Amino acid sequence: MQYGMPTLIENKSLEDNAKLCQRLGLQFVELNMSFPEYQLKQLEQTDHLFRIADETGIYYTIHLDENLDIASFNPMIAKAYRETVRRTINAVKKLVPLRDRYGDPKQPVTLNMHMNHGINVTLPDRIIPLYERDMDTYLKSFIAFRSMCDEWIGNDEIMIAVENTDGFRDYEKRAIELLLESPHFGLTWDIGHSKATHEKDLPYLMEHQDHLYHFHIHDGTEDPPKNHQALGDGTIDLKERLELAKRRNARCVLETKTIAALQKSVAWLHDNGMWE
């Protein structure tokens, strides 16, 4: 099992995150592009990333900007997000050797991606998502995006993994089906988000479990809905989820939000025989 950590707001720099990762015995840091210090300009400074990785014996995965909206009806916005993905892929291609050096060469380097729900229009009796109303336009954007990513990634061992957040919408499921036709796309199961939304995504994820390549592991509860808790602080059957991740040879991010919760989660893995 390859365990890593997210970008933590308590850490002010990549060095701080990498040193914590090393100290806890984790293998990688997932760099979140929603943070100002992990924008394209920084990710493209691969010599700097290599130096820190080699000093600490870790590698990287990427969390694409959480506002990523490649299907925006505004063509300038959609183009900017697609260009962001293209340049991120080009940077990650240079970082693949770090995976080979410090990780598992059998696991593709992951770019984690959220589905943007788009804009909703609220009527007196119902809410209508614009992406659902203009489904054909929405789906064509994902078909085009898939083709672009296939070209950009080429033969490199890079996977864009779509993460569940607060429940996939039906129109999003159709778009994901189109993405999964490409070998360069897979799924991330965020088990905490899943629990906090009463496991509404569980049937879909189980139906497509052969596409699971990445896990966000944190504890959570349904009532009240909570996630990003330290392992052992919620009600998720963590061992069952981790056993599935192991069968899938998936990479696992211990996605807590504080250093203390991350430390507690690592201790839980050791105490419960889930650390290899």
Foldseek 3Di string as FASTA:
>chain_A
DAEAAEDAPVDPAPLSRLQLCLVLVHAEYAYECLDPCPALVNLQVVVVVVVSCVVRLHAYAYEYHQQQELLDPPPVSNVVSLVRVLSNLVSVLVRLVSCVRRHDNVAFREYEYEYHQADWDDDPVDIHHPCVVVVVSSLVSLLVSLVVVCVSNPPHRYAYAYEDAQADDPSNLVSVVSNVVDPRYAHEYEPLRCQCNVNNCVVVCVVRVLRYAEYEDWAFHNVNTDTLAAPPPHDDPRVVVLVSCVVSVHYYYPYHHDSVSVSRNSVVCVVVVNDD
